Amino acid sequence: MRSVTRNTDRLSMLEKSWLVLDAFRPTGGPLRLVDVAERCHLAKTTAFRLLTELTEIGAVTRRESGYYLGRRLFELGSIVPLERDLRHAALPFMHDLYEATHETIHLGVRDGLDVVYVEKIRGHESFSLPSRVGGRLPLNCTGVGKALLAYSGPDFIDQVLGRPLRRLTPHSIIDAKRLEEAIGQIQAAGLAYEREEAQLGGACIAAPVFSDGAVVAALSVSVPLARFHPTRLAPAVKTAALGVSRALTRSI
């Protein structure tokens, strides 16, 4: 589980309130009072006061089973301009890609060293995946993440390669040299491939989405390894990502 390591004594009430909301990752609840206090390194009295105030404004909901994130946050999150405009432009192409493949389709953006998923369409025979809308995974472990990384610019790539790389499965790339080679291949092909690096038994192909010449997202199709046919899937993914890029350009 995530834990907060900052010195909470020096935080403002606004920062403490954000810590409480952030403690609900990755499921949104339910959490008990003691869970929130432990994750945020707050006294239970402080955590209770913050949860009460957040409940009063609709950011948190309290039920018999515990505390949950409130609908007010969903309403605000759905109107964040970048994600809203990106989803609006991407959804028609994601549905086209889904109809062409009947597999799971992802749309993700980069946030620091992670990919954050902003949309997901489940395939007819979808398998277990660690991805979820609003969730995040390491850039180096996913097709979407590697596509975003490869087009994020040399300074950021050097920063990632200079850090310890996280592992989700035994197949995750945690060697900087191997990841650097993979980035070069992605830049040459315009496509990122991932085989059992995020989930055993799964694979995906991803392509970058651009706006005004800069990468803003990546689109992918995820399949069970037994149905992974790159020659059939790659053109569809690339075409869909290109369509989203053109739609974003027209909307500027």
Protein backbone atom coordinates (compact mmCIF):
# COMPACT_ATOMS: atom_id res chain seq x y z
CA MET A 1 0.00 0.00 0.00
CA ARG A 2 1.00 3.59 -0.57
CA SER A 3 2.18 5.45 2.49
CA VAL A 4 2.98 9.11 3.07
CA THR A 5 6.51 9.78 4.26
CA ARG A 6 6.45 13.59 4.39
CA ASN A 7 6.53 15.35 7.75
CA THR A 8 2.81 15.92 8.22
CA ASP A 9 3.38 18.37 11.10
CA ARG A 10 4.60 20.95 8.59
CA LEU A 11 1.72 20.55 6.12
CA SER A 12 -1.13 23.02 5.73
CA MET A 13 -4.70 21.83 6.23
CA LEU A 14 -5.19 21.92 2.47
CA GLU A 15 -2.18 19.64 1.99
CA LYS A 16 -3.44 17.31 4.71
CA SER A 17 -6.85 17.21 3.06
CA TRP A 18 -5.22 16.21 -0.20
CA LEU A 19 -3.27 13.47 1.59
CA VAL A 20 -6.56 12.10 2.89
CA LEU A 21 -8.08 12.05 -0.59
CA ASP A 22 -4.94 10.52 -2.07
CA ALA A 23 -5.07 7.75 0.54
CA PHE A 24 -8.07 6.27 -1.27
CA ARG A 25 -5.88 5.07 -4.14
CA PRO A 26 -6.20 2.71 -5.93
CA THR A 27 -9.82 1.61 -5.30
CA GLY A 28 -11.63 4.70 -3.99
CA GLY A 29 -12.64 2.87 -0.79
CA PRO A 30 -13.85 1.58 1.51
CA LEU A 31 -11.38 2.74 4.14
CA ARG A 32 -11.74 2.83 7.90
CA LEU A 33 -10.70 5.85 9.93
CA VAL A 34 -7.65 3.97 11.18
CA ASP A 35 -6.68 3.11 7.58
CA VAL A 36 -6.72 6.76 6.55
CA ALA A 37 -4.79 7.86 9.64
CA GLU A 38 -2.10 5.22 9.09
CA ARG A 39 -1.71 5.89 5.37
CA CYS A 40 -1.44 9.64 5.93
CA HIS A 41 0.63 9.46 9.13
CA LEU A 42 -1.98 11.62 10.84
CA ALA A 43 -3.46 11.44 14.31
CA LYS A 44 -6.88 9.79 14.26
CA THR A 45 -8.49 12.96 15.61
CA THR A 46 -7.02 14.97 12.72
CA ALA A 47 -7.99 12.34 10.16
CA PHE A 48 -11.54 12.22 11.56
CA ARG A 49 -11.90 16.00 11.42
CA LEU A 50 -10.68 16.12 7.82
CA LEU A 51 -12.90 13.22 6.75
CA THR A 52 -15.88 14.92 8.36
CA GLU A 53 -15.23 18.20 6.55
CA LEU A 54 -14.61 16.42 3.23
CA THR A 55 -17.85 14.49 3.71
CA GLU A 56 -19.77 17.71 4.30
CA ILE A 57 -18.67 19.11 0.91
CA GLY A 58 -19.25 15.84 -0.97
CA ALA A 59 -15.62 14.94 -1.62
CA VAL A 60 -15.96 11.88 0.62
CA THR A 61 -18.96 9.65 1.34
CA ARG A 62 -19.47 7.63 4.51
CA ARG A 63 -21.33 4.31 4.47
CA GLU A 64 -21.66 1.41 6.89
CA SER A 65 -18.65 -0.31 5.28
CA GLY A 66 -16.41 2.74 5.59
CA TYR A 67 -15.38 5.90 3.77
CA TYR A 68 -15.39 6.25 -0.03
CA LEU A 69 -14.41 8.99 -2.45
CA GLY A 70 -17.47 11.11 -3.20
CA ARG A 71 -19.32 11.78 -6.42
CA ARG A 72 -18.32 15.46 -6.26
CA LEU A 73 -14.76 14.47 -7.17
CA PHE A 74 -15.99 12.45 -10.16
CA GLU A 75 -17.97 15.44 -11.38
CA LEU A 76 -14.93 17.70 -11.14
CA GLY A 77 -12.57 15.14 -12.65
CA SER A 78 -14.78 14.66 -15.68
CA ILE A 79 -14.40 18.33 -16.66
CA VAL A 80 -10.60 18.61 -16.40
CA PRO A 81 -9.97 20.27 -19.80
CA LEU A 82 -7.00 18.22 -21.04
CA GLU A 83 -8.49 14.81 -20.23
CA ARG A 84 -11.98 15.88 -21.29
CA ASP A 85 -10.86 17.13 -24.70
CA LEU A 86 -8.53 14.17 -25.18
CA ARG A 87 -11.25 11.63 -24.35
CA HIS A 88 -13.73 13.44 -26.61
CA ALA A 89 -11.29 13.26 -29.52
CA ALA A 90 -10.13 9.71 -28.82
CA LEU A 91 -13.32 7.79 -28.04
CA PRO A 92 -14.60 7.45 -31.64
CA PHE A 93 -11.24 6.01 -32.71
CA MET A 94 -11.05 3.79 -29.64
CA HIS A 95 -14.46 2.36 -30.53
CA ASP A 96 -13.32 1.83 -34.14
CA LEU A 97 -10.23 0.00 -32.86
CA TYR A 98 -12.38 -2.07 -30.55
CA GLU A 99 -14.74 -3.03 -33.40
CA ALA A 100 -11.74 -4.04 -35.51
CA THR A 101 -10.17 -6.19 -32.80
CA HIS A 102 -12.76 -6.90 -30.05
CA GLU A 103 -9.84 -6.59 -27.63
CA THR A 104 -9.18 -4.24 -24.70
CA ILE A 105 -8.33 -0.67 -25.71
CA HIS A 106 -6.44 1.80 -23.50
CA LEU A 107 -5.82 5.53 -23.62
CA GLY A 108 -3.16 6.89 -21.28
CA VAL A 109 -1.23 10.05 -20.48
CA ARG A 110 2.09 10.57 -18.72
CA ASP A 111 2.27 11.89 -15.17
CA GLY A 112 5.84 11.94 -13.91
CA LEU A 113 7.29 8.44 -14.17
CA ASP A 114 3.90 6.79 -14.59
CA VAL A 115 1.21 6.32 -17.19
CA VAL A 116 -2.25 7.32 -15.99
CA TYR A 117 -5.16 5.66 -17.78
CA VAL A 118 -7.90 8.10 -18.80
CA GLU A 119 -10.08 5.67 -20.76
CA LYS A 120 -10.46 1.92 -21.22
CA ILE A 121 -12.76 -0.25 -23.33
CA ARG A 122 -12.87 -3.89 -22.27
CA GLY A 123 -12.68 -6.63 -24.87
CA HIS A 124 -15.37 -9.30 -25.28
CA GLU A 125 -13.10 -11.93 -23.75
CA SER A 126 -11.00 -9.62 -21.62
CA PHE A 127 -8.43 -11.09 -19.27
CA SER A 128 -7.18 -9.78 -15.96
CA LEU A 129 -5.20 -6.56 -16.39
CA PRO A 130 -3.69 -4.25 -13.75
CA SER A 131 -4.91 -1.17 -15.63
CA ARG A 132 -8.00 0.83 -14.69
CA VAL A 133 -9.33 4.30 -15.47
CA GLY A 134 -7.63 6.73 -13.11
CA GLY A 135 -4.99 4.17 -12.21
CA ARG A 136 -1.29 4.44 -12.86
CA LEU A 137 1.51 2.04 -13.79
CA PRO A 138 5.26 2.51 -14.39
CA LEU A 139 6.16 3.83 -17.83
CA ASN A 140 8.73 1.10 -18.45
CA CYS A 141 6.28 -1.77 -17.85
CA THR A 142 3.50 -0.97 -20.31
CA GLY A 143 3.10 -0.43 -24.04
CA VAL A 144 1.32 2.88 -23.50
CA GLY A 145 4.01 3.97 -21.05
CA LYS A 146 6.88 3.06 -23.34
CA ALA A 147 5.23 4.89 -26.26
CA LEU A 148 4.88 8.00 -24.09
CA LEU A 149 8.44 7.67 -22.82
CA ALA A 150 9.99 7.25 -26.26
CA TYR A 151 8.55 10.57 -27.49
CA SER A 152 8.95 12.62 -24.29
CA GLY A 153 12.29 14.14 -25.23
CA PRO A 154 15.94 13.22 -24.55
CA ASP A 155 16.24 14.98 -21.18
CA PHE A 156 13.30 13.10 -19.70
CA ILE A 157 14.45 9.81 -21.24
CA ASP A 158 17.88 10.29 -19.64
CA GLN A 159 16.19 11.01 -16.31
CA VAL A 160 14.20 7.76 -16.49
CA LEU A 161 17.20 5.71 -17.60
CA GLY A 162 19.23 7.11 -14.72
CA ARG A 163 16.75 5.92 -12.10
CA PRO A 164 16.04 2.42 -10.77
CA LEU A 165 13.36 0.89 -12.99
CA ARG A 166 10.31 -0.70 -11.39
CA ARG A 167 9.20 -4.26 -12.02
CA LEU A 168 5.65 -5.64 -12.28
CA THR A 169 6.50 -9.13 -13.57
CA PRO A 170 9.69 -11.16 -14.15
CA HIS A 171 9.53 -9.93 -17.77
CA SER A 172 9.50 -6.20 -16.95
CA ILE A 173 12.48 -4.34 -18.39
CA ILE A 174 14.56 -3.08 -15.47
CA ASP A 175 17.90 -2.86 -17.28
CA ALA A 176 18.55 0.69 -18.54
CA LYS A 177 20.46 -0.51 -21.60
CA ARG A 178 17.63 -2.80 -22.69
CA LEU A 179 15.09 -0.04 -22.18
CA GLU A 180 17.23 2.40 -24.17
CA GLU A 181 17.34 -0.09 -27.05
CA ALA A 182 13.57 -0.55 -26.85
CA ILE A 183 13.07 3.23 -26.96
CA GLY A 184 15.16 3.42 -30.14
CA GLN A 185 13.04 0.70 -31.74
CA ILE A 186 9.84 2.52 -30.77
CA GLN A 187 11.08 5.77 -32.25
CA ALA A 188 12.00 4.00 -35.48
CA ALA A 189 8.72 2.07 -35.83
CA GLY A 190 6.25 4.48 -34.23
CA LEU A 191 4.94 1.56 -32.18
CA ALA A 192 5.66 0.15 -28.72
CA TYR A 193 5.38 -3.55 -27.96
CA GLU A 194 4.94 -5.17 -24.56
CA ARG A 195 4.93 -8.89 -23.78
CA GLU A 196 4.10 -10.00 -20.23
CA GLU A 197 5.84 -6.95 -18.76
CA ALA A 198 2.75 -5.65 -16.95
CA GLN A 199 0.71 -8.84 -16.61
CA LEU A 200 1.71 -12.46 -17.10
CA GLY A 201 -0.09 -13.94 -20.08
CA GLY A 202 -0.77 -10.55 -21.67
CA ALA A 203 0.70 -8.45 -24.46
CA CYS A 204 -0.08 -5.14 -26.13
CA ILE A 205 0.83 -2.77 -28.94
CA ALA A 206 0.71 1.00 -28.41
CA ALA A 207 1.17 4.10 -30.55
CA PRO A 208 1.74 7.73 -29.54
CA VAL A 209 -0.84 10.50 -29.93
CA PHE A 210 0.44 13.98 -30.79
CA SER A 211 -0.92 17.50 -30.50
CA ASP A 212 0.96 20.47 -31.89
CA GLY A 213 4.02 18.27 -32.41
CA ALA A 214 4.24 17.03 -28.82
CA VAL A 215 3.19 13.64 -27.47
CA VAL A 216 0.10 14.03 -25.27
CA ALA A 217 -1.14 10.46 -24.95
CA ALA A 218 -0.80 6.93 -26.24
CA LEU A 219 -3.34 4.40 -27.46
CA SER A 220 -3.02 0.63 -27.16
CA VAL A 221 -4.72 -2.69 -27.75
CA SER A 222 -4.13 -5.39 -25.10
CA VAL A 223 -4.66 -9.09 -25.77
CA PRO A 224 -3.91 -12.45 -24.20
CA LEU A 225 -0.52 -13.66 -25.39
CA ALA A 226 -2.13 -16.52 -27.32
CA ARG A 227 -4.01 -13.95 -29.48
CA PHE A 228 -1.08 -11.59 -29.97
CA HIS A 229 -0.68 -11.13 -33.72
CA PRO A 230 1.39 -7.96 -34.27
CA THR A 231 1.11 -7.94 -38.07
CA ARG A 232 -2.69 -7.75 -37.79
CA LEU A 233 -2.95 -5.47 -34.77
CA ALA A 234 -0.16 -2.95 -35.43
CA PRO A 235 -1.68 -1.19 -38.48
CA ALA A 236 -5.02 -0.78 -36.68
CA VAL A 237 -3.38 0.73 -33.59
CA LYS A 238 -1.25 3.10 -35.64
CA THR A 239 -4.22 4.23 -37.72
CA ALA A 240 -6.34 4.89 -34.63
CA ALA A 241 -3.58 6.91 -32.92
CA LEU A 242 -3.06 8.95 -36.10
CA GLY A 243 -6.80 9.63 -36.23
CA VAL A 244 -6.79 10.92 -32.64
CA SER A 245 -3.78 13.14 -33.39
CA ARG A 246 -5.55 14.66 -36.39
CA ALA A 247 -8.73 15.20 -34.39
CA LEU A 248 -6.78 17.01 -31.66
CA THR A 249 -5.07 19.19 -34.29
CA ARG A 250 -8.44 20.20 -35.75
CA SER A 251 -9.77 21.11 -32.31
CA ILE A 252 -6.94 23.51 -31.51
